[in-house]
N, C-alpha and C. Protein backbone atom coordinates (compact mmCIF):
# COMPACT_ATOMS: atom_id res chain seq x y z
N MET A 1 15.10 -2.42 21.96
CA MET A 1 13.71 -1.50 21.95
C MET A 1 13.68 -1.90 23.04
N GLY A 2 12.95 -0.36 23.80
CA GLY A 2 12.55 -0.59 25.31
C GLY A 2 10.62 -0.52 25.14
N ALA A 3 10.11 -0.81 25.84
CA ALA A 3 9.16 -1.15 25.74
C ALA A 3 8.64 -0.15 26.88
N HIS A 4 7.22 0.81 26.51
CA HIS A 4 6.91 2.12 27.67
C HIS A 4 5.49 1.63 28.00
N PHE A 5 5.14 1.49 29.18
CA PHE A 5 3.76 1.37 29.44
C PHE A 5 3.02 2.23 30.36
N ASN A 6 1.85 3.03 30.53
CA ASN A 6 1.07 3.58 31.20
C ASN A 6 0.56 3.16 32.09
N LEU A 7 0.32 3.51 33.45
CA LEU A 7 -0.76 2.59 34.47
C LEU A 7 -1.94 2.16 34.15
N LEU A 8 -2.33 2.71 33.17
CA LEU A 8 -3.68 1.79 32.78
C LEU A 8 -3.49 0.94 31.88
N GLN A 9 -2.58 0.97 31.34
CA GLN A 9 -2.26 -0.42 30.07
C GLN A 9 -1.65 -1.35 30.92
N ILE A 10 -1.06 -1.21 32.42
CA ILE A 10 -0.33 -1.98 33.51
C ILE A 10 -1.55 -2.54 34.14
N ASP A 11 -2.62 -2.02 34.15
CA ASP A 11 -3.67 -2.49 35.41
C ASP A 11 -4.54 -3.47 34.11
N GLU A 12 -4.48 -3.05 32.90
CA GLU A 12 -5.09 -4.22 31.61
C GLU A 12 -4.51 -5.37 31.84
N MET A 13 -2.84 -4.98 31.78
CA MET A 13 -2.30 -6.27 31.72
C MET A 13 -2.21 -7.04 32.52
N LYS A 14 -2.74 -6.80 33.89
CA LYS A 14 -3.05 -7.77 35.11
C LYS A 14 -4.18 -8.33 34.58
N LYS A 15 -5.39 -8.23 33.97
CA LYS A 15 -5.99 -9.48 33.28
C LYS A 15 -5.71 -10.22 32.08
N TRP A 16 -4.83 -10.64 31.72
CA TRP A 16 -3.99 -11.31 30.77
C TRP A 16 -3.39 -12.40 31.48
N ILE A 17 -3.12 -13.45 30.23
CA ILE A 17 -2.57 -14.48 30.77
C ILE A 17 -1.43 -14.58 29.71
N LEU A 18 -0.36 -14.56 29.72
CA LEU A 18 0.33 -14.87 28.81
C LEU A 18 1.34 -16.04 28.76
N LEU A 19 1.60 -17.04 27.34
CA LEU A 19 2.34 -17.98 27.35
C LEU A 19 3.50 -17.48 27.09
N ASP A 20 4.46 -18.26 27.88
CA ASP A 20 5.86 -17.39 27.24
C ASP A 20 6.89 -19.25 27.55
N ASN A 21 7.69 -19.12 25.91
CA ASN A 21 8.51 -20.16 25.72
C ASN A 21 9.92 -19.60 26.42
N GLN A 22 10.35 -18.59 27.17
CA GLN A 22 11.44 -18.34 27.67
C GLN A 22 11.66 -17.98 28.94
N PHE A 23 10.46 -18.22 29.82
CA PHE A 23 10.31 -17.98 31.40
C PHE A 23 10.36 -19.53 31.88
N THR A 24 10.90 -19.85 33.13
CA THR A 24 10.71 -21.17 33.24
C THR A 24 9.41 -21.33 34.83
N LEU A 25 9.25 -20.28 35.01
CA LEU A 25 8.27 -20.79 36.28
C LEU A 25 6.85 -19.79 35.72
N THR A 26 5.67 -20.45 36.54
CA THR A 26 4.35 -20.01 36.62
C THR A 26 4.17 -18.68 37.39
N ILE A 27 3.73 -17.39 37.13
CA ILE A 27 3.52 -16.74 38.58
C ILE A 27 2.31 -15.94 37.54
N PHE A 28 1.71 -15.57 38.53
CA PHE A 28 0.41 -14.54 38.90
C PHE A 28 0.14 -13.77 39.38
N CYS A 29 -0.27 -12.25 39.34
CA CYS A 29 -0.46 -11.54 39.86
C CYS A 29 -1.90 -10.99 39.87
N ASN A 30 -2.49 -11.64 39.90
CA ASN A 30 -3.90 -11.18 39.72
C ASN A 30 -5.22 -12.61 40.36
N PRO A 31 -5.43 -11.81 42.00
CA PRO A 31 -5.96 -12.57 43.13
C PRO A 31 -7.12 -12.95 42.18
N ASN A 32 -8.01 -12.64 41.40
CA ASN A 32 -9.08 -13.08 40.89
C ASN A 32 -8.93 -14.39 40.00
N MET A 33 -7.71 -14.60 39.95
CA MET A 33 -7.66 -15.79 39.10
C MET A 33 -7.43 -16.95 39.21
N VAL A 34 -6.26 -16.94 40.73
CA VAL A 34 -6.09 -17.86 41.04
C VAL A 34 -6.90 -18.28 42.63
N LEU A 35 -6.53 -19.25 43.50
CA LEU A 35 -6.96 -20.29 44.43
C LEU A 35 -5.90 -19.91 45.29
N TYR A 36 -6.36 -20.26 46.90
CA TYR A 36 -5.52 -20.45 47.49
C TYR A 36 -4.20 -19.84 47.66
N ILE A 37 -3.87 -18.17 48.00
CA ILE A 37 -2.74 -17.32 47.97
C ILE A 37 -1.99 -18.00 49.32
N LYS A 38 -1.31 -18.15 49.12
CA LYS A 38 -0.30 -18.56 50.58
C LYS A 38 0.55 -18.39 50.51
N ASN A 39 1.38 -17.56 51.95
CA ASN A 39 2.85 -17.27 52.13
C ASN A 39 3.65 -18.70 52.07
N ILE A 40 4.49 -18.89 51.53
CA ILE A 40 5.40 -19.91 52.14
C ILE A 40 7.00 -19.46 52.57
N ASP A 41 7.75 -20.36 53.29
CA ASP A 41 9.37 -19.91 53.28
C ASP A 41 10.38 -19.75 52.54
N GLN A 42 10.19 -20.44 51.10
CA GLN A 42 10.76 -20.96 49.81
C GLN A 42 11.33 -19.47 49.64
N LEU A 43 12.49 -19.36 48.96
CA LEU A 43 13.18 -18.09 48.41
C LEU A 43 13.13 -17.78 46.98
N LEU A 44 13.12 -16.74 46.26
CA LEU A 44 12.73 -16.99 44.97
C LEU A 44 13.45 -15.58 45.01
N ASP A 45 14.15 -15.33 44.08
CA ASP A 45 14.78 -14.18 43.15
C ASP A 45 14.44 -14.42 42.04
N LEU A 46 13.81 -13.51 41.34
CA LEU A 46 13.38 -13.76 40.02
C LEU A 46 13.74 -12.26 39.04
N SER A 47 14.60 -12.48 38.34
CA SER A 47 15.14 -11.04 37.93
C SER A 47 15.26 -11.19 35.87
N ASN A 48 14.39 -9.82 35.66
CA ASN A 48 14.13 -9.85 34.63
C ASN A 48 14.49 -8.24 33.93
N LYS A 49 14.05 -7.95 32.53
CA LYS A 49 13.95 -6.58 31.81
C LYS A 49 13.81 -5.45 33.23
N GLY A 50 12.73 -5.77 33.85
CA GLY A 50 11.86 -5.28 35.06
C GLY A 50 12.51 -4.60 35.93
N GLY A 51 13.49 -5.61 36.14
CA GLY A 51 14.00 -5.42 37.62
C GLY A 51 14.57 -6.85 38.11
N MET A 52 13.97 -6.88 39.44
CA MET A 52 14.16 -7.80 40.64
C MET A 52 12.89 -8.16 41.35
N LEU A 53 12.29 -9.41 41.69
CA LEU A 53 10.93 -9.75 41.74
C LEU A 53 11.20 -10.93 43.04
N ARG A 54 10.84 -10.93 44.18
CA ARG A 54 10.45 -11.89 45.27
C ARG A 54 9.37 -12.43 45.34
N PRO A 55 8.89 -12.85 44.82
CA PRO A 55 8.09 -13.19 45.56
C PRO A 55 7.70 -14.54 46.37
N THR A 56 6.55 -13.93 47.40
CA THR A 56 6.95 -15.38 48.88
C THR A 56 5.70 -15.61 48.63
N LYS A 57 4.63 -15.90 47.60
CA LYS A 57 3.61 -16.43 47.66
C LYS A 57 3.51 -17.47 46.68
N LYS A 58 2.77 -18.89 46.62
CA LYS A 58 2.38 -19.58 45.93
C LYS A 58 0.94 -19.89 46.44
N CYS A 59 -0.03 -20.12 44.47
CA CYS A 59 -1.36 -19.92 44.76
C CYS A 59 -1.44 -21.41 44.07
N LYS A 60 -3.07 -21.55 43.69
CA LYS A 60 -3.60 -22.59 42.64
C LYS A 60 -4.10 -22.25 41.77
N VAL A 61 -3.69 -22.15 40.41
CA VAL A 61 -4.06 -21.82 39.17
C VAL A 61 -5.35 -22.83 38.95
N PRO A 62 -6.67 -22.71 38.83
CA PRO A 62 -7.22 -23.77 37.96
C PRO A 62 -6.94 -24.33 36.96
N LEU A 63 -7.29 -25.36 36.69
CA LEU A 63 -6.94 -26.54 35.20
C LEU A 63 -5.14 -26.22 35.10
N PHE A 64 -4.64 -25.95 36.20
CA PHE A 64 -3.20 -25.90 35.66
C PHE A 64 -2.06 -26.36 37.10
N GLY A 65 -2.63 -25.59 38.26
CA GLY A 65 -2.17 -26.38 39.63
C GLY A 65 -1.10 -25.14 40.20
N GLN A 66 -0.14 -25.63 40.53
CA GLN A 66 0.65 -24.98 41.81
C GLN A 66 1.28 -23.50 40.89
N ALA A 67 1.69 -22.44 41.47
CA ALA A 67 2.14 -21.28 40.79
C ALA A 67 2.64 -20.24 41.71
N TRP A 68 3.61 -19.59 41.37
CA TRP A 68 4.33 -18.32 42.52
C TRP A 68 2.65 -17.24 42.05
N PHE A 69 3.15 -16.67 43.07
CA PHE A 69 2.24 -15.44 43.12
C PHE A 69 2.42 -14.38 44.08
N ASN A 70 2.63 -12.68 42.93
CA ASN A 70 3.20 -11.61 43.40
C ASN A 70 2.31 -10.80 42.95
N HIS A 71 2.07 -9.82 43.37
CA HIS A 71 0.89 -8.56 43.62
C HIS A 71 1.52 -7.76 42.77
N LYS A 72 2.89 -7.59 42.48
CA LYS A 72 3.69 -6.22 42.17
C LYS A 72 3.98 -7.12 39.95
N SER A 73 3.86 -8.49 39.67
CA SER A 73 4.30 -8.78 38.61
C SER A 73 3.34 -8.20 37.81
N ILE A 74 3.76 -7.44 37.00
CA ILE A 74 2.77 -6.33 36.10
C ILE A 74 1.78 -7.88 34.91
N THR A 75 1.92 -9.39 34.80
CA THR A 75 0.97 -9.61 34.04
C THR A 75 1.05 -10.80 34.84
N ASN A 76 -0.16 -11.56 34.11
CA ASN A 76 0.19 -13.12 34.58
C ASN A 76 0.78 -13.98 33.58
N ILE A 77 1.98 -15.12 33.87
CA ILE A 77 2.36 -15.75 32.80
C ILE A 77 2.49 -17.03 33.39
N ILE A 78 2.36 -18.52 32.35
CA ILE A 78 2.26 -19.24 32.29
C ILE A 78 3.58 -19.98 31.33
N SER A 79 4.78 -20.58 32.06
CA SER A 79 5.69 -21.26 31.54
C SER A 79 5.33 -22.42 30.84
N MET A 80 5.52 -22.03 29.37
CA MET A 80 5.50 -23.23 27.91
C MET A 80 5.95 -24.38 28.55
N SER A 81 7.09 -24.53 29.25
CA SER A 81 8.10 -25.80 29.25
C SER A 81 6.77 -26.68 30.83
N GLU A 82 6.26 -25.78 31.51
CA GLU A 82 5.34 -26.19 32.27
C GLU A 82 3.82 -26.57 32.22
N LEU A 83 3.53 -26.19 31.06
CA LEU A 83 2.51 -26.28 30.71
C LEU A 83 2.64 -27.68 30.30
N MET A 84 3.61 -27.30 29.27
CA MET A 84 4.23 -28.53 28.38
C MET A 84 4.15 -30.14 29.31
N ASP A 85 4.69 -30.03 30.75
CA ASP A 85 4.74 -31.09 31.39
C ASP A 85 3.31 -31.86 31.64
N LYS A 86 2.17 -30.83 31.92
CA LYS A 86 0.72 -31.18 32.11
C LYS A 86 -0.33 -31.23 31.23
N TYR A 87 0.59 -30.84 29.95
CA TYR A 87 -0.61 -31.00 28.68
C TYR A 87 -0.04 -31.32 27.38
N ARG A 88 -0.74 -31.63 26.36
CA ARG A 88 0.18 -31.75 24.87
C ARG A 88 0.33 -30.27 24.72
N VAL A 89 1.03 -29.77 24.16
CA VAL A 89 0.82 -28.16 23.56
C VAL A 89 1.42 -28.71 21.76
N THR A 90 0.01 -27.93 20.90
CA THR A 90 0.46 -27.60 19.60
C THR A 90 0.05 -26.60 18.80
N PHE A 91 1.44 -26.43 18.31
CA PHE A 91 0.81 -24.92 17.42
C PHE A 91 1.59 -25.14 16.20
N VAL A 92 0.99 -24.14 15.49
CA VAL A 92 1.26 -24.64 13.58
C VAL A 92 2.74 -23.43 13.43
N SER A 93 3.89 -23.40 13.07
CA SER A 93 5.17 -23.17 12.95
C SER A 93 5.56 -22.51 11.54
N GLN A 94 4.73 -22.71 10.22
CA GLN A 94 4.46 -22.60 8.93
C GLN A 94 5.37 -20.85 8.80
N LYS A 95 4.78 -19.93 9.57
CA LYS A 95 5.46 -18.48 9.32
C LYS A 95 6.45 -18.23 9.72
N GLU A 96 6.30 -18.79 11.51
CA GLU A 96 7.51 -18.44 12.31
C GLU A 96 7.38 -19.22 13.34
N ASP A 97 8.46 -19.39 14.34
CA ASP A 97 8.18 -19.84 15.52
C ASP A 97 7.92 -19.30 16.46
N SER A 98 6.21 -19.07 16.16
CA SER A 98 5.52 -18.47 17.91
C SER A 98 3.96 -18.55 17.41
């Protein structure tokens, strides 16, 4: 099943922060949510259902720490595994694992 978004929805998604239990890294696209965006020499090829993304910047996310930054990403994603390395995470799974 595919998802289709129009440009208005994509602009709204840049205001969201998603917690993803399948993503292995944290990446932000909204410069208003982060501090200290800087270019880096480190290369990363990020492949997902939307295609290939090559972030070349890192930033600081308040109360989280360092993350990747790419303005072409359609939303801001916090990796659950990276969050669990920093904080205790709990959730209720009585109905489903979500």
